[in-house]
C-alpha atoms as a PDB file:
ATOM      1  CA  MET A   1      43.299 -89.573  29.024  1.00  0.00           C
ATOM      2  CA  PHE A   2      44.688 -88.160  32.145  1.00  0.00           C
ATOM      3  CA  ARG A   3      47.880 -86.370  33.168  1.00  0.00           C
ATOM      4  CA  ARG A   4      49.455 -86.513  36.606  1.00  0.00           C
ATOM      5  CA  GLY A   5      51.467 -83.265  37.016  1.00  0.00           C
ATOM      6  CA  SER A   6      51.826 -80.641  34.392  1.00  0.00           C
ATOM      7  CA  ASN A   7      55.188 -81.949  33.133  1.00  0.00           C
ATOM      8  CA  ARG A   8      54.073 -85.496  32.539  1.00  0.00           C
ATOM      9  CA  LYS A   9      52.929 -87.040  29.302  1.00  0.00           C
ATOM     10  CA  PRO A  10      49.129 -87.857  29.116  1.00  0.00           C
ATOM     11  CA  ARG A  11      48.244 -91.541  29.658  1.00  0.00           C
ATOM     12  CA  SER A  12      45.255 -93.424  28.275  1.00  0.00           C
ATOM     13  CA  CYS A  13      43.222 -95.274  30.803  1.00  0.00           C
ATOM     14  CA  SER A  14      40.613 -97.386  28.916  1.00  0.00           C
ATOM     15  CA  THR A  15      37.845 -99.124  30.714  1.00  0.00           C
ATOM     16  CA  GLN A  16      37.303-101.481  27.795  1.00  0.00           C
ATOM     17  CA  THR A  17      38.459-105.072  28.150  1.00  0.00           C
ATOM     18  CA  SER A  18      39.490-106.957  24.959  1.00  0.00           C
ATOM     19  CA  SER A  19      36.388-109.185  25.243  1.00  0.00           C
ATOM     20  CA  GLU A  20      33.958-106.248  25.142  1.00  0.00           C
ATOM     21  CA  ARG A  21      32.371-105.741  21.675  1.00  0.00           C
ATOM     22  CA  MET A  22      30.452-102.563  22.206  1.00  0.00           C
ATOM     23  CA  GLU A  23      31.300 -99.307  23.908  1.00  0.00           C
ATOM     24  CA  THR A  24      29.723 -98.260  27.149  1.00  0.00           C
ATOM     25  CA  PRO A  25      29.546 -94.534  27.731  1.00  0.00           C
ATOM     26  CA  ILE A  26      31.459 -93.211  30.695  1.00  0.00           C
ATOM     27  CA  LEU A  27      29.376 -90.622  32.598  1.00  0.00           C
ATOM     28  CA  GLY A  28      31.722 -88.838  34.931  1.00  0.00           C
ATOM     29  CA  TYR A  29      34.961 -89.913  36.520  1.00  0.00           C
ATOM     30  CA  THR A  30      37.213 -88.762  39.350  1.00  0.00           C
ATOM     31  CA  LEU A  31      40.763 -89.604  40.321  1.00  0.00           C
ATOM     32  CA  SER A  32      41.653 -90.078  43.945  1.00  0.00           C
ATOM     33  CA  GLU A  33      43.791 -87.266  45.222  1.00  0.00           C
ATOM     34  CA  ASP A  34      46.981 -89.396  45.006  1.00  0.00           C
ATOM     35  CA  GLY A  35      46.085 -90.489  41.517  1.00  0.00           C
ATOM     36  CA  GLU A  36      46.078 -94.143  42.535  1.00  0.00           C
ATOM     37  CA  TYR A  37      42.397 -94.949  41.786  1.00  0.00           C
ATOM     38  CA  LEU A  38      39.899 -93.837  39.178  1.00  0.00           C
ATOM     39  CA  ALA A  39      36.201 -94.114  39.961  1.00  0.00           C
ATOM     40  CA  TYR A  40      33.947 -93.714  36.955  1.00  0.00           C
ATOM     41  CA  GLY A  41      30.312 -94.101  36.048  1.00  0.00           C
ATOM     42  CA  LEU A  42      29.113 -96.334  33.258  1.00  0.00           C
ATOM     43  CA  ASN A  43      25.766 -96.045  31.493  1.00  0.00           C
ATOM     44  CA  SER A  44      24.309 -98.833  29.517  1.00  0.00           C
ATOM     45  CA  SER A  45      21.243 -99.167  27.149  1.00  0.00           C
ATOM     46  CA  GLY A  46      20.482 -95.449  27.323  1.00  0.00           C
ATOM     47  CA  SER A  47      19.271 -95.683  30.906  1.00  0.00           C
ATOM     48  CA  ASP A  48      19.580 -92.829  33.368  1.00  0.00           C
ATOM     49  CA  TRP A  49      21.041 -95.296  35.852  1.00  0.00           C
ATOM     50  CA  VAL A  50      24.735 -95.332  36.260  1.00  0.00           C
ATOM     51  CA  THR A  51      27.023 -98.043  37.708  1.00  0.00           C
ATOM     52  CA  ILE A  52      30.225 -96.776  39.442  1.00  0.00           C
ATOM     53  CA  GLN A  53      33.280 -98.933  39.062  1.00  0.00           C
ATOM     54  CA  VAL A  54      36.850 -98.415  40.337  1.00  0.00           C
ATOM     55  CA  MET A  55      40.186 -99.010  38.600  1.00  0.00           C
ATOM     56  CA  ARG A  56      43.699 -99.029  40.050  1.00  0.00           C
ATOM     57  CA  VAL A  57      45.496 -96.673  37.638  1.00  0.00           C
ATOM     58  CA  LYS A  58      49.098 -97.993  37.748  1.00  0.00           C
ATOM     59  CA  ASP A  59      48.223-101.448  36.312  1.00  0.00           C
ATOM     60  CA  LYS A  60      44.643-100.628  34.983  1.00  0.00           C
ATOM     61  CA  LYS A  61      43.177-103.359  37.206  1.00  0.00           C
ATOM     62  CA  GLU A  62      39.437-103.272  37.665  1.00  0.00           C
ATOM     63  CA  LEU A  63      38.593-103.581  41.356  1.00  0.00           C
ATOM     64  CA  GLU A  64      35.576-105.561  42.423  1.00  0.00           C
ATOM     65  CA  ASP A  65      33.946-102.388  43.759  1.00  0.00           C
ATOM     66  CA  THR A  66      30.699-101.976  41.730  1.00  0.00           C
ATOM     67  CA  LEU A  67      28.001 -99.639  42.879  1.00  0.00           C
ATOM     68  CA  HIS A  68      24.415 -99.644  41.474  1.00  0.00           C
ATOM     69  CA  TRP A  69      21.293 -97.442  41.472  1.00  0.00           C
ATOM     70  CA  ILE A  70      23.297 -94.241  40.963  1.00  0.00           C
ATOM     71  CA  LYS A  71      21.525 -91.282  39.384  1.00  0.00           C
ATOM     72  CA  PHE A  72      22.313 -87.563  39.564  1.00  0.00           C
ATOM     73  CA  SER A  73      25.624 -88.035  41.458  1.00  0.00           C
ATOM     74  CA  ASN A  74      29.113 -86.900  41.446  1.00  0.00           C
ATOM     75  CA  ILE A  75      32.019 -88.927  42.932  1.00  0.00           C
ATOM     76  CA  ASN A  76      33.928 -87.252  45.797  1.00  0.00           C
ATOM     77  CA  TRP A  77      37.012 -88.983  47.140  1.00  0.00           C
ATOM     78  CA  THR A  78      38.159 -88.442  50.688  1.00  0.00           C
ATOM     79  CA  HIS A  79      41.599 -86.878  51.017  1.00  0.00           C
ATOM     80  CA  ASP A  80      43.017 -90.185  52.351  1.00  0.00           C
ATOM     81  CA  GLY A  81      41.932 -92.084  49.150  1.00  0.00           C
ATOM     82  CA  LYS A  82      40.293 -94.874  51.232  1.00  0.00           C
ATOM     83  CA  GLY A  83      36.856 -94.237  49.664  1.00  0.00           C
ATOM     84  CA  PHE A  84      34.386 -91.750  48.260  1.00  0.00           C
ATOM     85  CA  PHE A  85      30.997 -90.234  48.673  1.00  0.00           C
ATOM     86  CA  TYR A  86      28.221 -90.714  46.092  1.00  0.00           C
ATOM     87  CA  CYS A  87      24.492 -90.213  45.810  1.00  0.00           C
ATOM     88  CA  ARG A  88      21.937 -92.885  44.879  1.00  0.00           C
ATOM     89  CA  PHE A  89      18.332 -93.801  45.079  1.00  0.00           C
ATOM     90  CA  PRO A  90      16.805 -96.893  46.694  1.00  0.00           C
ATOM     91  CA  ALA A  91      16.755 -99.838  44.215  1.00  0.00           C
ATOM     92  CA  PRO A  92      13.520-100.081  42.080  1.00  0.00           C
ATOM     93  CA  THR A  93      10.974-102.351  43.827  1.00  0.00           C
ATOM     94  CA  LYS A  94       9.514-103.948  40.695  1.00  0.00           C
ATOM     95  CA  GLU A  95      11.545-106.705  39.046  1.00  0.00           C
ATOM     96  CA  GLY A  96      12.775-105.652  35.563  1.00  0.00           C
ATOM     97  CA  ASP A  97      12.045-102.022  36.342  1.00  0.00           C
ATOM     98  CA  ALA A  98      15.623-100.695  36.233  1.00  0.00           C
ATOM     99  CA  GLY A  99      16.091 -98.307  33.361  1.00  0.00           C
ATOM    100  CA  THR A 100      12.469 -98.685  32.134  1.00  0.00           C
ATOM    101  CA  GLU A 101      10.601 -97.249  35.009  1.00  0.00           C
ATOM    102  CA  THR A 102       8.669 -94.038  34.545  1.00  0.00           C
ATOM    103  CA  SER A 103       7.882 -93.272  38.131  1.00  0.00           C
ATOM    104  CA  LEU A 104       9.555 -90.480  40.030  1.00  0.00           C
ATOM    105  CA  ASN A 105      12.731 -91.198  41.891  1.00  0.00           C
ATOM    106  CA  LEU A 106      12.313 -90.323  45.488  1.00  0.00           C
ATOM    107  CA  HIS A 107      14.620 -90.274  48.562  1.00  0.00           C
ATOM    108  CA  HIS A 108      17.971 -89.326  47.123  1.00  0.00           C
ATOM    109  CA  GLN A 109      20.658 -90.574  49.570  1.00  0.00           C
ATOM    110  CA  LEU A 110      24.326 -89.697  50.287  1.00  0.00           C
ATOM    111  CA  TYR A 111      26.565 -92.736  50.887  1.00  0.00           C
ATOM    112  CA  TYR A 112      30.183 -93.364  51.686  1.00  0.00           C
ATOM    113  CA  HIS A 113      31.916 -96.309  50.012  1.00  0.00           C
ATOM    114  CA  PHE A 114      35.157 -97.798  51.480  1.00  0.00           C
ATOM    115  CA  LEU A 115      37.358 -99.327  48.702  1.00  0.00           C
ATOM    116  CA  GLY A 116      37.333-103.071  48.749  1.00  0.00           C
ATOM    117  CA  THR A 117      33.912-103.500  50.370  1.00  0.00           C
ATOM    118  CA  ASP A 118      30.541-104.517  48.974  1.00  0.00           C
ATOM    119  CA  GLN A 119      27.974-101.764  48.286  1.00  0.00           C
ATOM    120  CA  SER A 120      25.720-103.350  50.942  1.00  0.00           C
ATOM    121  CA  GLU A 121      28.287-102.252  53.536  1.00  0.00           C
ATOM    122  CA  ASP A 122      28.271 -98.557  52.335  1.00  0.00           C
ATOM    123  CA  ILE A 123      27.331 -96.033  55.025  1.00  0.00           C
ATOM    124  CA  LEU A 124      24.169 -93.906  54.562  1.00  0.00           C
ATOM    125  CA  CYS A 125      25.389 -90.474  55.637  1.00  0.00           C
ATOM    126  CA  TRP A 126      22.445 -88.240  54.758  1.00  0.00           C
ATOM    127  CA  THR A 127      18.937 -88.082  53.240  1.00  0.00           C
ATOM    128  CA  ASP A 128      16.083 -85.631  53.726  1.00  0.00           C
ATOM    129  CA  PRO A 129      12.948 -87.522  54.620  1.00  0.00           C
ATOM    130  CA  SER A 130      10.991 -84.273  55.005  1.00  0.00           C
ATOM    131  CA  ASP A 131      11.442 -83.643  51.227  1.00  0.00           C
ATOM    132  CA  PRO A 132      11.584 -86.920  49.242  1.00  0.00           C
ATOM    133  CA  LYS A 133      11.854 -85.134  45.879  1.00  0.00           C
ATOM    134  CA  TYR A 134      14.917 -83.173  46.960  1.00  0.00           C
ATOM    135  CA  ILE A 135      17.966 -84.044  44.807  1.00  0.00           C
ATOM    136  CA  PHE A 136      21.265 -82.792  46.095  1.00  0.00           C
ATOM    137  CA  GLU A 137      25.008 -83.129  45.469  1.00  0.00           C
ATOM    138  CA  ALA A 138      27.856 -83.531  47.929  1.00  0.00           C
ATOM    139  CA  LYS A 139      31.438 -82.184  47.888  1.00  0.00           C
ATOM    140  CA  VAL A 140      34.452 -83.012  50.072  1.00  0.00           C
ATOM    141  CA  THR A 141      35.829 -79.561  51.160  1.00  0.00           C
ATOM    142  CA  SER A 142      39.538 -78.769  51.498  1.00  0.00           C
ATOM    143  CA  ASP A 143      39.349 -79.416  55.221  1.00  0.00           C
ATOM    144  CA  GLY A 144      37.895 -82.882  54.731  1.00  0.00           C
ATOM    145  CA  LYS A 145      34.283 -82.086  55.631  1.00  0.00           C
ATOM    146  CA  VAL A 146      31.268 -82.891  53.398  1.00  0.00           C
ATOM    147  CA  ASP A 147      29.131 -80.168  52.068  1.00  0.00           C
ATOM    148  CA  THR A 148      25.640 -81.044  50.639  1.00  0.00           C
ATOM    149  CA  ARG A 149      23.530 -78.622  48.609  1.00  0.00           C
END
């Protein structure tokens, strides 16, 4: 459910398609500033890994934007609504390791995703190679800058 403006009626914005048989938990979501897009994290099979997907709100159309290897991240839209910042880890190196690995996640990274592009084109904005265990979050400030902590 979301509401755009205090005088408007709440609207439902389901991420379920009619063909899905089981529910997938949503772990965090953020509307773009203009309310046109909803980016949300999906979790499956009890894994800590989250997949971010994007929906156009007015017609509930799922966009092809799908981002993987997300863990310990928020979603921060830029003020122009053209994309958002998110944090991720490098993909697991062993096949079949996603969601079952017990090794420590290292090298948390801040990326920027432009809507309509593949994740492989996302821009690595920041990481801290001097402290590979450091996990941080990012926030877009009111003046459009990015703050990490």
